[in-house]
Amino acid sequence: MLNSQAWYQVHRNGTEAIRGRIDDQLSQSEAVIVLIGNQTATRKWVRYEIEKAWQDRKPLLGVYIHGLPSNNIIGSAGPDPFDTTRDMFGIPVFSPTARDWRGNVDPEATFENLSQNLET
């Protein structure tokens, strides 16, 4: 995982540097968890990482995070990125998003649901 400054440094060195960084990180990983936000499925490098993990036979898991606040904003669910990647099927996707009695996203209950259930 890269913070924004480290990502910028790798990104400055071009496409092959990015691909190399992702390949290196995946080679050291036993599994890949894809955090699914509003725009995840449209991100070129997320799609590359998913395809590379699938090709390398790494276990994949998707986790929706739209019920968790970011800068005090609760985003909307994005599309499943595994649906937009060719020849992928059967990849589990966990959605911890909890709603209150009015149907609104409950971020505290969502976080609790995520922390109680992610491991299983």
PDB file of N, CA and C in Angstrom:
ATOM      1  N   MET A   1       0.847  -1.170   0.000  1.00  0.00           N
ATOM      2  CA  MET A   1       0.000   0.000   0.000  1.00  0.00           C
ATOM      3  C   MET A   1       0.898   1.240   0.000  1.00  0.00           C
ATOM      4  N   LEU A   2       0.491   2.223  -0.738  1.00  0.00           N
ATOM      5  CA  LEU A   2       1.278   3.437  -0.857  1.00  0.00           C
ATOM      6  C   LEU A   2       0.499   4.636  -0.338  1.00  0.00           C
ATOM      7  N   ASN A   3       1.185   5.500   0.404  1.00  0.00           N
ATOM      8  CA  ASN A   3       0.534   6.761   0.730  1.00  0.00           C
ATOM      9  C   ASN A   3       0.624   7.658  -0.499  1.00  0.00           C
ATOM     10  N   SER A   4      -0.021   8.800  -0.452  1.00  0.00           N
ATOM     11  CA  SER A   4      -0.098   9.638  -1.661  1.00  0.00           C
ATOM     12  C   SER A   4       1.275  10.105  -2.145  1.00  0.00           C
ATOM     13  N   GLN A   5       2.189  10.396  -1.243  1.00  0.00           N
ATOM     14  CA  GLN A   5       3.518  10.852  -1.661  1.00  0.00           C
ATOM     15  C   GLN A   5       4.299   9.725  -2.347  1.00  0.00           C
ATOM     16  N   ALA A   6       4.254   8.537  -1.774  1.00  0.00           N
ATOM     17  CA  ALA A   6       4.952   7.402  -2.378  1.00  0.00           C
ATOM     18  C   ALA A   6       4.337   7.051  -3.736  1.00  0.00           C
ATOM     19  N   TRP A   7       2.991   7.113  -3.825  1.00  0.00           N
ATOM     20  CA  TRP A   7       2.318   6.843  -5.099  1.00  0.00           C
ATOM     21  C   TRP A   7       2.777   7.846  -6.154  1.00  0.00           C
ATOM     22  N   TYR A   8       2.865   9.124  -5.781  1.00  0.00           N
ATOM     23  CA  TYR A   8       3.291  10.157  -6.729  1.00  0.00           C
ATOM     24  C   TYR A   8       4.694   9.851  -7.249  1.00  0.00           C
ATOM     25  N   GLN A   9       5.583   9.421  -6.367  1.00  0.00           N
ATOM     26  CA  GLN A   9       6.958   9.125  -6.784  1.00  0.00           C
ATOM     27  C   GLN A   9       7.000   7.959  -7.770  1.00  0.00           C
ATOM     28  N   VAL A  10       6.235   6.905  -7.496  1.00  0.00           N
ATOM     29  CA  VAL A  10       6.188   5.768  -8.417  1.00  0.00           C
ATOM     30  C   VAL A  10       5.526   6.199  -9.716  1.00  0.00           C
ATOM     31  N   HIS A  11       4.431   6.933  -9.615  1.00  0.00           N
ATOM     32  CA  HIS A  11       3.674   7.383 -10.786  1.00  0.00           C
ATOM     33  C   HIS A  11       4.530   8.246 -11.712  1.00  0.00           C
ATOM     34  N   ARG A  12       5.388   9.074 -11.142  1.00  0.00           N
ATOM     35  CA  ARG A  12       6.289   9.929 -11.937  1.00  0.00           C
ATOM     36  C   ARG A  12       7.186   9.131 -12.860  1.00  0.00           C
ATOM     37  N   ASN A  13       7.496   7.903 -12.453  1.00  0.00           N
ATOM     38  CA  ASN A  13       8.406   7.074 -13.241  1.00  0.00           C
ATOM     39  C   ASN A  13       7.706   6.287 -14.348  1.00  0.00           C
ATOM     40  N   GLY A  14       6.412   6.465 -14.499  1.00  0.00           N
ATOM     41  CA  GLY A  14       5.701   5.901 -15.636  1.00  0.00           C
ATOM     42  C   GLY A  14       5.005   4.575 -15.392  1.00  0.00           C
ATOM     43  N   THR A  15       4.358   4.142 -16.455  1.00  0.00           N
ATOM     44  CA  THR A  15       3.516   2.951 -16.420  1.00  0.00           C
ATOM     45  C   THR A  15       4.269   1.707 -15.973  1.00  0.00           C
ATOM     46  N   GLU A  16       5.440   1.498 -16.495  1.00  0.00           N
ATOM     47  CA  GLU A  16       6.199   0.288 -16.143  1.00  0.00           C
ATOM     48  C   GLU A  16       6.596   0.293 -14.669  1.00  0.00           C
ATOM     49  N   ALA A  17       6.897   1.461 -14.118  1.00  0.00           N
ATOM     50  CA  ALA A  17       7.232   1.552 -12.697  1.00  0.00           C
ATOM     51  C   ALA A  17       6.022   1.193 -11.835  1.00  0.00           C
ATOM     52  N   ILE A  18       4.860   1.665 -12.235  1.00  0.00           N
ATOM     53  CA  ILE A  18       3.638   1.343 -11.492  1.00  0.00           C
ATOM     54  C   ILE A  18       3.365  -0.151 -11.568  1.00  0.00           C
ATOM     55  N   ARG A  19       3.425  -0.684 -12.776  1.00  0.00           N
ATOM     56  CA  ARG A  19       3.181  -2.111 -12.964  1.00  0.00           C
ATOM     57  C   ARG A  19       4.193  -2.930 -12.150  1.00  0.00           C
ATOM     58  N   GLY A  20       5.443  -2.519 -12.167  1.00  0.00           N
ATOM     59  CA  GLY A  20       6.473  -3.222 -11.412  1.00  0.00           C
ATOM     60  C   GLY A  20       6.221  -3.176  -9.914  1.00  0.00           C
ATOM     61  N   ARG A  21       5.791  -2.030  -9.428  1.00  0.00           N
ATOM     62  CA  ARG A  21       5.499  -1.888  -7.994  1.00  0.00           C
ATOM     63  C   ARG A  21       4.338  -2.803  -7.594  1.00  0.00           C
ATOM     64  N   ILE A  22       3.280  -2.808  -8.393  1.00  0.00           N
ATOM     65  CA  ILE A  22       2.139  -3.673  -8.100  1.00  0.00           C
ATOM     66  C   ILE A  22       2.560  -5.137  -8.152  1.00  0.00           C
ATOM     67  N   ASP A  23       3.299  -5.519  -9.186  1.00  0.00           N
ATOM     68  CA  ASP A  23       3.749  -6.905  -9.316  1.00  0.00           C
ATOM     69  C   ASP A  23       4.603  -7.317  -8.122  1.00  0.00           C
ATOM     70  N   ASP A  24       5.483  -6.430  -7.693  1.00  0.00           N
ATOM     71  CA  ASP A  24       6.340  -6.723  -6.545  1.00  0.00           C
ATOM     72  C   ASP A  24       5.509  -6.909  -5.275  1.00  0.00           C
ATOM     73  N   GLN A  25       4.562  -6.018  -5.045  1.00  0.00           N
ATOM     74  CA  GLN A  25       3.719  -6.116  -3.861  1.00  0.00           C
ATOM     75  C   GLN A  25       2.873  -7.389  -3.886  1.00  0.00           C
ATOM     76  N   LEU A  26       2.342  -7.734  -5.046  1.00  0.00           N
ATOM     77  CA  LEU A  26       1.527  -8.948  -5.144  1.00  0.00           C
ATOM     78  C   LEU A  26       2.358 -10.211  -4.936  1.00  0.00           C
ATOM     79  N   SER A  27       3.602 -10.182  -5.373  1.00  0.00           N
ATOM     80  CA  SER A  27       4.452 -11.372  -5.210  1.00  0.00           C
ATOM     81  C   SER A  27       4.714 -11.655  -3.730  1.00  0.00           C
ATOM     82  N   GLN A  28       4.581 -10.642  -2.900  1.00  0.00           N
ATOM     83  CA  GLN A  28       4.803 -10.800  -1.461  1.00  0.00           C
ATOM     84  C   GLN A  28       3.500 -11.012  -0.683  1.00  0.00           C
ATOM     85  N   SER A  29       2.373 -11.091  -1.387  1.00  0.00           N
ATOM     86  CA  SER A  29       1.067 -11.205  -0.746  1.00  0.00           C
ATOM     87  C   SER A  29       0.512 -12.604  -0.885  1.00  0.00           C
ATOM     88  N   GLU A  30      -0.183 -13.042   0.151  1.00  0.00           N
ATOM     89  CA  GLU A  30      -0.854 -14.333   0.090  1.00  0.00           C
ATOM     90  C   GLU A  30      -2.249 -14.197  -0.493  1.00  0.00           C
ATOM     91  N   ALA A  31      -2.854 -13.020  -0.324  1.00  0.00           N
ATOM     92  CA  ALA A  31      -4.216 -12.776  -0.803  1.00  0.00           C
ATOM     93  C   ALA A  31      -4.359 -11.287  -1.070  1.00  0.00           C
ATOM     94  N   VAL A  32      -5.432 -10.925  -1.778  1.00  0.00           N
ATOM     95  CA  VAL A  32      -5.680  -9.521  -2.103  1.00  0.00           C
ATOM     96  C   VAL A  32      -7.095  -9.161  -1.666  1.00  0.00           C
ATOM     97  N   ILE A  33      -7.195  -8.125  -0.845  1.00  0.00           N
ATOM     98  CA  ILE A  33      -8.487  -7.588  -0.445  1.00  0.00           C
ATOM     99  C   ILE A  33      -8.663  -6.259  -1.163  1.00  0.00           C
ATOM    100  N   VAL A  34      -9.735  -6.157  -1.927  1.00  0.00           N
ATOM    101  CA  VAL A  34     -10.025  -4.946  -2.688  1.00  0.00           C
ATOM    102  C   VAL A  34     -11.093  -4.166  -1.936  1.00  0.00           C
ATOM    103  N   LEU A  35     -10.744  -2.971  -1.487  1.00  0.00           N
ATOM    104  CA  LEU A  35     -11.715  -2.100  -0.830  1.00  0.00           C
ATOM    105  C   LEU A  35     -12.528  -1.422  -1.918  1.00  0.00           C
ATOM    106  N   ILE A  36     -13.831  -1.646  -1.910  1.00  0.00           N
ATOM    107  CA  ILE A  36     -14.688  -1.183  -2.994  1.00  0.00           C
ATOM    108  C   ILE A  36     -15.401   0.102  -2.596  1.00  0.00           C
ATOM    109  N   GLY A  37     -14.995   1.187  -3.224  1.00  0.00           N
ATOM    110  CA  GLY A  37     -15.641   2.479  -3.037  1.00  0.00           C
ATOM    111  C   GLY A  37     -16.415   2.857  -4.283  1.00  0.00           C
ATOM    112  N   ASN A  38     -16.847   4.081  -4.332  1.00  0.00           N
ATOM    113  CA  ASN A  38     -17.684   4.581  -5.400  1.00  0.00           C
ATOM    114  C   ASN A  38     -17.022   4.473  -6.775  1.00  0.00           C
ATOM    115  N   GLN A  39     -15.703   4.683  -6.856  1.00  0.00           N
ATOM    116  CA  GLN A  39     -15.020   4.718  -8.152  1.00  0.00           C
ATOM    117  C   GLN A  39     -14.012   3.594  -8.359  1.00  0.00           C
ATOM    118  N   THR A  40     -13.986   2.643  -7.447  1.00  0.00           N
ATOM    119  CA  THR A  40     -12.989   1.569  -7.518  1.00  0.00           C
ATOM    120  C   THR A  40     -12.993   0.850  -8.859  1.00  0.00           C
ATOM    121  N   ALA A  41     -14.172   0.502  -9.353  1.00  0.00           N
ATOM    122  CA  ALA A  41     -14.279  -0.294 -10.579  1.00  0.00           C
ATOM    123  C   ALA A  41     -13.757   0.441 -11.807  1.00  0.00           C
ATOM    124  N   THR A  42     -13.647   1.766 -11.740  1.00  0.00           N
ATOM    125  CA  THR A  42     -13.176   2.526 -12.897  1.00  0.00           C
ATOM    126  C   THR A  42     -11.674   2.814 -12.845  1.00  0.00           C
ATOM    127  N   ARG A  43     -11.009   2.414 -11.799  1.00  0.00           N
ATOM    128  CA  ARG A  43      -9.589   2.716 -11.637  1.00  0.00           C
ATOM    129  C   ARG A  43      -8.717   1.717 -12.391  1.00  0.00           C
ATOM    130  N   LYS A  44      -7.935   2.225 -13.323  1.00  0.00           N
ATOM    131  CA  LYS A  44      -7.080   1.388 -14.175  1.00  0.00           C
ATOM    132  C   LYS A  44      -6.178   0.467 -13.358  1.00  0.00           C
ATOM    133  N   TRP A  45      -5.522   1.008 -12.357  1.00  0.00           N
ATOM    134  CA  TRP A  45      -4.542   0.211 -11.625  1.00  0.00           C
ATOM    135  C   TRP A  45      -5.197  -0.749 -10.655  1.00  0.00           C
ATOM    136  N   VAL A  46      -6.392  -0.460 -10.200  1.00  0.00           N
ATOM    137  CA  VAL A  46      -7.138  -1.430  -9.397  1.00  0.00           C
ATOM    138  C   VAL A  46      -7.499  -2.624 -10.277  1.00  0.00           C
ATOM    139  N   ARG A  47      -7.983  -2.339 -11.475  1.00  0.00           N
ATOM    140  CA  ARG A  47      -8.315  -3.425 -12.405  1.00  0.00           C
ATOM    141  C   ARG A  47      -7.070  -4.255 -12.729  1.00  0.00           C
ATOM    142  N   TYR A  48      -5.931  -3.588 -12.926  1.00  0.00           N
ATOM    143  CA  TYR A  48      -4.694  -4.324 -13.208  1.00  0.00           C
ATOM    144  C   TYR A  48      -4.340  -5.231 -12.021  1.00  0.00           C
ATOM    145  N   GLU A  49      -4.434  -4.700 -10.815  1.00  0.00           N
ATOM    146  CA  GLU A  49      -4.099  -5.474  -9.626  1.00  0.00           C
ATOM    147  C   GLU A  49      -5.014  -6.697  -9.491  1.00  0.00           C
ATOM    148  N   ILE A  50      -6.300  -6.501  -9.739  1.00  0.00           N
ATOM    149  CA  ILE A  50      -7.249  -7.613  -9.675  1.00  0.00           C
ATOM    150  C   ILE A  50      -6.894  -8.675 -10.718  1.00  0.00           C
ATOM    151  N   GLU A  51      -6.668  -8.243 -11.946  1.00  0.00           N
ATOM    152  CA  GLU A  51      -6.344  -9.194 -13.019  1.00  0.00           C
ATOM    153  C   GLU A  51      -5.040  -9.936 -12.738  1.00  0.00           C
ATOM    154  N   LYS A  52      -4.052  -9.234 -12.231  1.00  0.00           N
ATOM    155  CA  LYS A  52      -2.754  -9.846 -11.913  1.00  0.00           C
ATOM    156  C   LYS A  52      -2.916 -10.862 -10.779  1.00  0.00           C
ATOM    157  N   ALA A  53      -3.664 -10.502  -9.752  1.00  0.00           N
ATOM    158  CA  ALA A  53      -3.897 -11.431  -8.638  1.00  0.00           C
ATOM    159  C   ALA A  53      -4.623 -12.674  -9.126  1.00  0.00           C
ATOM    160  N   TRP A  54      -5.615 -12.495  -9.992  1.00  0.00           N
ATOM    161  CA  TRP A  54      -6.364 -13.626 -10.550  1.00  0.00           C
ATOM    162  C   TRP A  54      -5.435 -14.518 -11.373  1.00  0.00           C
ATOM    163  N   GLN A  55      -4.619 -13.893 -12.206  1.00  0.00           N
ATOM    164  CA  GLN A  55      -3.663 -14.631 -13.049  1.00  0.00           C
ATOM    165  C   GLN A  55      -2.679 -15.420 -12.181  1.00  0.00           C
ATOM    166  N   ASP A  56      -2.246 -14.817 -11.071  1.00  0.00           N
ATOM    167  CA  ASP A  56      -1.293 -15.471 -10.168  1.00  0.00           C
ATOM    168  C   ASP A  56      -1.960 -16.411  -9.170  1.00  0.00           C
ATOM    169  N   ARG A  57      -3.279 -16.584  -9.323  1.00  0.00           N
ATOM    170  CA  ARG A  57      -4.065 -17.475  -8.476  1.00  0.00           C
ATOM    171  C   ARG A  57      -4.034 -17.081  -7.002  1.00  0.00           C
ATOM    172  N   LYS A  58      -4.022 -15.783  -6.751  1.00  0.00           N
ATOM    173  CA  LYS A  58      -4.094 -15.276  -5.380  1.00  0.00           C
ATOM    174  C   LYS A  58      -5.568 -15.200  -4.976  1.00  0.00           C
ATOM    175  N   PRO A  59      -5.905 -15.594  -3.768  1.00  0.00           N
ATOM    176  CA  PRO A  59      -7.283 -15.426  -3.310  1.00  0.00           C
ATOM    177  C   PRO A  59      -7.665 -13.942  -3.316  1.00  0.00           C
ATOM    178  N   LEU A  60      -8.881 -13.665  -3.748  1.00  0.00           N
ATOM    179  CA  LEU A  60      -9.395 -12.299  -3.819  1.00  0.00           C
ATOM    180  C   LEU A  60     -10.647 -12.175  -2.965  1.00  0.00           C
ATOM    181  N   LEU A  61     -10.809 -11.015  -2.359  1.00  0.00           N
ATOM    182  CA  LEU A  61     -12.007 -10.691  -1.590  1.00  0.00           C
ATOM    183  C   LEU A  61     -12.298  -9.215  -1.799  1.00  0.00           C
ATOM    184  N   GLY A  62     -13.542  -8.888  -2.047  1.00  0.00           N
ATOM    185  CA  GLY A  62     -13.962  -7.501  -2.146  1.00  0.00           C
ATOM    186  C   GLY A  62     -14.688  -7.091  -0.884  1.00  0.00           C
ATOM    187  N   VAL A  63     -14.450  -5.863  -0.425  1.00  0.00           N
ATOM    188  CA  VAL A  63     -15.134  -5.338   0.758  1.00  0.00           C
ATOM    189  C   VAL A  63     -15.671  -3.954   0.427  1.00  0.00           C
ATOM    190  N   TYR A  64     -16.992  -3.822   0.454  1.00  0.00           N
ATOM    191  CA  TYR A  64     -17.597  -2.507   0.240  1.00  0.00           C
ATOM    192  C   TYR A  64     -17.309  -1.613   1.439  1.00  0.00           C
ATOM    193  N   ILE A  65     -16.899  -0.376   1.166  1.00  0.00           N
ATOM    194  CA  ILE A  65     -16.577   0.560   2.246  1.00  0.00           C
ATOM    195  C   ILE A  65     -17.438   1.814   2.204  1.00  0.00           C
ATOM    196  N   HIS A  66     -18.484   1.819   1.374  1.00  0.00           N
ATOM    197  CA  HIS A  66     -19.276   3.040   1.220  1.00  0.00           C
ATOM    198  C   HIS A  66     -20.051   3.412   2.474  1.00  0.00           C
ATOM    199  N   GLY A  67     -20.193   2.529   3.427  1.00  0.00           N
ATOM    200  CA  GLY A  67     -20.892   2.865   4.665  1.00  0.00           C
ATOM    201  C   GLY A  67     -19.989   3.488   5.713  1.00  0.00           C
ATOM    202  N   LEU A  68     -18.704   3.617   5.403  1.00  0.00           N
ATOM    203  CA  LEU A  68     -17.754   4.223   6.333  1.00  0.00           C
ATOM    204  C   LEU A  68     -17.489   5.660   5.903  1.00  0.00           C
ATOM    205  N   PRO A  69     -17.514   6.599   6.850  1.00  0.00           N
ATOM    206  CA  PRO A  69     -17.323   8.000   6.458  1.00  0.00           C
ATOM    207  C   PRO A  69     -15.880   8.313   6.073  1.00  0.00           C
ATOM    208  N   SER A  70     -15.741   9.183   5.099  1.00  0.00           N
ATOM    209  CA  SER A  70     -14.450   9.720   4.692  1.00  0.00           C
ATOM    210  C   SER A  70     -14.618  11.232   4.647  1.00  0.00           C
ATOM    211  N   ASN A  71     -13.856  11.935   5.462  1.00  0.00           N
ATOM    212  CA  ASN A  71     -14.018  13.390   5.592  1.00  0.00           C
ATOM    213  C   ASN A  71     -15.468  13.752   5.934  1.00  0.00           C
ATOM    214  N   ASN A  72     -16.062  12.953   6.824  1.00  0.00           N
ATOM    215  CA  ASN A  72     -17.442  13.144   7.292  1.00  0.00           C
ATOM    216  C   ASN A  72     -18.489  13.005   6.194  1.00  0.00           C
ATOM    217  N   ILE A  73     -18.134  12.366   5.096  1.00  0.00           N
ATOM    218  CA  ILE A  73     -19.073  12.124   4.001  1.00  0.00           C
ATOM    219  C   ILE A  73     -19.216  10.619   3.825  1.00  0.00           C
ATOM    220  N   ILE A  74     -20.446  10.176   3.738  1.00  0.00           N
ATOM    221  CA  ILE A  74     -20.703   8.759   3.484  1.00  0.00           C
ATOM    222  C   ILE A  74     -21.031   8.631   2.010  1.00  0.00           C
ATOM    223  N   GLY A  75     -20.159   7.963   1.282  1.00  0.00           N
ATOM    224  CA  GLY A  75     -20.333   7.833  -0.156  1.00  0.00           C
ATOM    225  C   GLY A  75     -21.385   6.804  -0.529  1.00  0.00           C
ATOM    226  N   SER A  76     -21.697   6.775  -1.788  1.00  0.00           N
ATOM    227  CA  SER A  76     -22.637   5.779  -2.290  1.00  0.00           C
ATOM    228  C   SER A  76     -21.856   4.555  -2.775  1.00  0.00           C
ATOM    229  N   ALA A  77     -22.549   3.446  -2.874  1.00  0.00           N
ATOM    230  CA  ALA A  77     -21.907   2.202  -3.314  1.00  0.00           C
ATOM    231  C   ALA A  77     -21.496   2.308  -4.771  1.00  0.00           C
ATOM    232  N   GLY A  78     -20.346   1.792  -5.072  1.00  0.00           N
ATOM    233  CA  GLY A  78     -19.896   1.725  -6.456  1.00  0.00           C
ATOM    234  C   GLY A  78     -20.145   0.340  -7.012  1.00  0.00           C
ATOM    235  N   PRO A  79     -19.951   0.159  -8.308  1.00  0.00           N
ATOM    236  CA  PRO A  79     -20.141  -1.164  -8.902  1.00  0.00           C
ATOM    237  C   PRO A  79     -19.068  -2.142  -8.436  1.00  0.00           C
ATOM    238  N   ASP A  80     -19.401  -3.403  -8.492  1.00  0.00           N
ATOM    239  CA  ASP A  80     -18.478  -4.467  -8.134  1.00  0.00           C
ATOM    240  C   ASP A  80     -17.350  -4.488  -9.171  1.00  0.00           C
ATOM    241  N   PRO A  81     -16.094  -4.246  -8.779  1.00  0.00           N
ATOM    242  CA  PRO A  81     -14.999  -4.200  -9.759  1.00  0.00           C
ATOM    243  C   PRO A  81     -14.706  -5.556 -10.403  1.00  0.00           C
ATOM    244  N   PHE A  82     -15.159  -6.631  -9.777  1.00  0.00           N
ATOM    245  CA  PHE A  82     -14.932  -7.950 -10.357  1.00  0.00           C
ATOM    246  C   PHE A  82     -15.871  -8.187 -11.543  1.00  0.00           C
ATOM    247  N   ASP A  83     -16.983  -7.469 -11.585  1.00  0.00           N
ATOM    248  CA  ASP A  83     -17.903  -7.578 -12.719  1.00  0.00           C
ATOM    249  C   ASP A  83     -17.340  -6.911 -13.970  1.00  0.00           C
ATOM    250  N   THR A  84     -16.442  -5.951 -13.796  1.00  0.00           N
ATOM    251  CA  THR A  84     -15.896  -5.214 -14.935  1.00  0.00           C
ATOM    252  C   THR A  84     -14.560  -5.786 -15.406  1.00  0.00           C
ATOM    253  N   THR A  85     -14.134  -6.864 -14.777  1.00  0.00           N
ATOM    254  CA  THR A  85     -12.855  -7.480 -15.124  1.00  0.00           C
ATOM    255  C   THR A  85     -13.131  -8.787 -15.838  1.00  0.00           C
ATOM    256  N   ARG A  86     -12.473  -9.003 -16.933  1.00  0.00           N
ATOM    257  CA  ARG A  86     -12.797 -10.136 -17.799  1.00  0.00           C
ATOM    258  C   ARG A  86     -12.522 -11.499 -17.144  1.00  0.00           C
ATOM    259  N   ASP A  87     -13.392 -12.440 -17.471  1.00  0.00           N
ATOM    260  CA  ASP A  87     -13.239 -13.844 -17.076  1.00  0.00           C
ATOM    261  C   ASP A  87     -13.140 -14.080 -15.571  1.00  0.00           C
ATOM    262  N   MET A  88     -13.780 -13.247 -14.775  1.00  0.00           N
ATOM    263  CA  MET A  88     -13.755 -13.442 -13.332  1.00  0.00           C
ATOM    264  C   MET A  88     -15.136 -13.839 -12.853  1.00  0.00           C
ATOM    265  N   PHE A  89     -15.165 -14.808 -11.966  1.00  0.00           N
ATOM    266  CA  PHE A  89     -16.433 -15.248 -11.415  1.00  0.00           C
ATOM    267  C   PHE A  89     -16.179 -15.873 -10.053  1.00  0.00           C
ATOM    268  N   GLY A  90     -17.174 -15.829  -9.216  1.00  0.00           N
ATOM    269  CA  GLY A  90     -17.095 -16.493  -7.919  1.00  0.00           C
ATOM    270  C   GLY A  90     -16.250 -15.797  -6.873  1.00  0.00           C
ATOM    271  N   ILE A  91     -15.920 -14.531  -7.067  1.00  0.00           N
ATOM    272  CA  ILE A  91     -15.112 -13.820  -6.078  1.00  0.00           C
ATOM    273  C   ILE A  91     -16.049 -13.263  -5.010  1.00  0.00           C
ATOM    274  N   PRO A  92     -15.815 -13.614  -3.742  1.00  0.00           N
ATOM    275  CA  PRO A  92     -16.715 -13.144  -2.692  1.00  0.00           C
ATOM    276  C   PRO A  92     -16.581 -11.642  -2.446  1.00  0.00           C
ATOM    277  N   VAL A  93     -17.709 -11.028  -2.170  1.00  0.00           N
ATOM    278  CA  VAL A  93     -17.747  -9.606  -1.859  1.00  0.00           C
ATOM    279  C   VAL A  93     -18.542  -9.441  -0.563  1.00  0.00           C
ATOM    280  N   PHE A  94     -17.942  -8.787   0.401  1.00  0.00           N
ATOM    281  CA  PHE A  94     -18.558  -8.566   1.704  1.00  0.00           C
ATOM    282  C   PHE A  94     -19.045  -7.125   1.782  1.00  0.00           C
ATOM    283  N   SER A  95     -20.291  -6.964   2.174  1.00  0.00           N
ATOM    284  CA  SER A  95     -20.851  -5.621   2.346  1.00  0.00           C
ATOM    285  C   SER A  95     -21.276  -5.452   3.799  1.00  0.00           C
ATOM    286  N   PRO A  96     -20.456  -4.765   4.587  1.00  0.00           N
ATOM    287  CA  PRO A  96     -20.789  -4.584   5.997  1.00  0.00           C
ATOM    288  C   PRO A  96     -21.768  -3.439   6.256  1.00  0.00           C
ATOM    289  N   THR A  97     -22.204  -2.768   5.211  1.00  0.00           N
ATOM    290  CA  THR A  97     -23.019  -1.572   5.369  1.00  0.00           C
ATOM    291  C   THR A  97     -24.311  -1.882   6.118  1.00  0.00           C
ATOM    292  N   ALA A  98     -24.511  -1.151   7.208  1.00  0.00           N
ATOM    293  CA  ALA A  98     -25.717  -1.292   8.029  1.00  0.00           C
ATOM    294  C   ALA A  98     -26.576  -0.040   7.870  1.00  0.00           C
ATOM    295  N   ARG A  99     -27.866  -0.217   7.992  1.00  0.00           N
ATOM    296  CA  ARG A  99     -28.796   0.901   7.849  1.00  0.00           C
ATOM    297  C   ARG A  99     -29.665   1.022   9.096  1.00  0.00           C
ATOM    298  N   ASP A 100     -30.083   2.245   9.365  1.00  0.00           N
ATOM    299  CA  ASP A 100     -30.977   2.466  10.497  1.00  0.00           C
ATOM    300  C   ASP A 100     -32.420   2.183  10.071  1.00  0.00           C
ATOM    301  N   TRP A 101     -33.359   2.380  10.973  1.00  0.00           N
ATOM    302  CA  TRP A 101     -34.758   2.054  10.694  1.00  0.00           C
ATOM    303  C   TRP A 101     -35.360   2.897   9.577  1.00  0.00           C
ATOM    304  N   ARG A 102     -34.713   4.042   9.250  1.00  0.00           N
ATOM    305  CA  ARG A 102     -35.192   4.882   8.150  1.00  0.00           C
ATOM    306  C   ARG A 102     -34.569   4.504   6.806  1.00  0.00           C
ATOM    307  N   GLY A 103     -33.625   3.583   6.835  1.00  0.00           N
ATOM    308  CA  GLY A 103     -32.948   3.176   5.604  1.00  0.00           C
ATOM    309  C   GLY A 103     -31.677   3.944   5.325  1.00  0.00           C
ATOM    310  N   ASN A 104     -31.283   4.832   6.237  1.00  0.00           N
ATOM    311  CA  ASN A 104     -30.042   5.591   6.075  1.00  0.00           C
ATOM    312  C   ASN A 104     -28.858   4.766   6.544  1.00  0.00           C
ATOM    313  N   VAL A 105     -27.724   4.965   5.906  1.00  0.00           N
ATOM    314  CA  VAL A 105     -26.510   4.262   6.307  1.00  0.00           C
ATOM    315  C   VAL A 105     -26.139   4.673   7.726  1.00  0.00           C
ATOM    316  N   ASP A 106     -25.846   3.680   8.552  1.00  0.00           N
ATOM    317  CA  ASP A 106     -25.421   3.900   9.933  1.00  0.00           C
ATOM    318  C   ASP A 106     -23.921   3.607  10.003  1.00  0.00           C
ATOM    319  N   PRO A 107     -23.083   4.649   9.980  1.00  0.00           N
ATOM    320  CA  PRO A 107     -21.634   4.407   9.913  1.00  0.00           C
ATOM    321  C   PRO A 107     -21.072   3.674  11.128  1.00  0.00           C
ATOM    322  N   GLU A 108     -21.607   3.937  12.308  1.00  0.00           N
ATOM    323  CA  GLU A 108     -21.097   3.245  13.499  1.00  0.00           C
ATOM    324  C   GLU A 108     -21.424   1.757  13.447  1.00  0.00           C
ATOM    325  N   ALA A 109     -22.651   1.436  13.070  1.00  0.00           N
ATOM    326  CA  ALA A 109     -23.035   0.025  12.953  1.00  0.00           C
ATOM    327  C   ALA A 109     -22.282  -0.643  11.801  1.00  0.00           C
ATOM    328  N   THR A 110     -22.021   0.100  10.738  1.00  0.00           N
ATOM    329  CA  THR A 110     -21.255  -0.437   9.613  1.00  0.00           C
ATOM    330  C   THR A 110     -19.846  -0.791  10.062  1.00  0.00           C
ATOM    331  N   PHE A 111     -19.198   0.116  10.789  1.00  0.00           N
ATOM    332  CA  PHE A 111     -17.847  -0.151  11.291  1.00  0.00           C
ATOM    333  C   PHE A 111     -17.851  -1.360  12.210  1.00  0.00           C
ATOM    334  N   GLU A 112     -18.833  -1.433  13.083  1.00  0.00           N
ATOM    335  CA  GLU A 112     -18.941  -2.568  14.007  1.00  0.00           C
ATOM    336  C   GLU A 112     -19.116  -3.877  13.226  1.00  0.00           C
ATOM    337  N   ASN A 113     -19.988  -3.853  12.236  1.00  0.00           N
ATOM    338  CA  ASN A 113     -20.213  -5.030  11.407  1.00  0.00           C
ATOM    339  C   ASN A 113     -18.932  -5.453  10.680  1.00  0.00           C
ATOM    340  N   LEU A 114     -18.199  -4.480  10.167  1.00  0.00           N
ATOM    341  CA  LEU A 114     -16.927  -4.756   9.477  1.00  0.00           C
ATOM    342  C   LEU A 114     -15.936  -5.376  10.456  1.00  0.00           C
ATOM    343  N   SER A 115     -15.738  -4.749  11.612  1.00  0.00           N
ATOM    344  CA  SER A 115     -14.728  -5.264  12.542  1.00  0.00           C
ATOM    345  C   SER A 115     -15.107  -6.608  13.150  1.00  0.00           C
ATOM    346  N   GLN A 116     -16.402  -6.873  13.302  1.00  0.00           N
ATOM    347  CA  GLN A 116     -16.838  -8.160  13.874  1.00  0.00           C
ATOM    348  C   GLN A 116     -16.767  -9.300  12.867  1.00  0.00           C
ATOM    349  N   ASN A 117     -16.900  -8.982  11.573  1.00  0.00           N
ATOM    350  CA  ASN A 117     -17.085 -10.046  10.584  1.00  0.00           C
ATOM    351  C   ASN A 117     -16.012 -10.170   9.502  1.00  0.00           C
ATOM    352  N   LEU A 118     -15.109  -9.238   9.387  1.00  0.00           N
ATOM    353  CA  LEU A 118     -14.140  -9.282   8.284  1.00  0.00           C
ATOM    354  C   LEU A 118     -13.278 -10.541   8.339  1.00  0.00           C
ATOM    355  N   GLU A 119     -12.833 -10.898   9.512  1.00  0.00           N
ATOM    356  CA  GLU A 119     -11.942 -12.046   9.613  1.00  0.00           C
ATOM    357  C   GLU A 119     -12.597 -13.337   9.123  1.00  0.00           C
ATOM    358  N   THR A 120     -13.894 -13.481   9.383  1.00  0.00           N
ATOM    359  CA  THR A 120     -14.567 -14.711   8.948  1.00  0.00           C
ATOM    360  C   THR A 120     -15.035 -14.587   7.525  1.00  0.00           C
TER     361      THR A 120
END
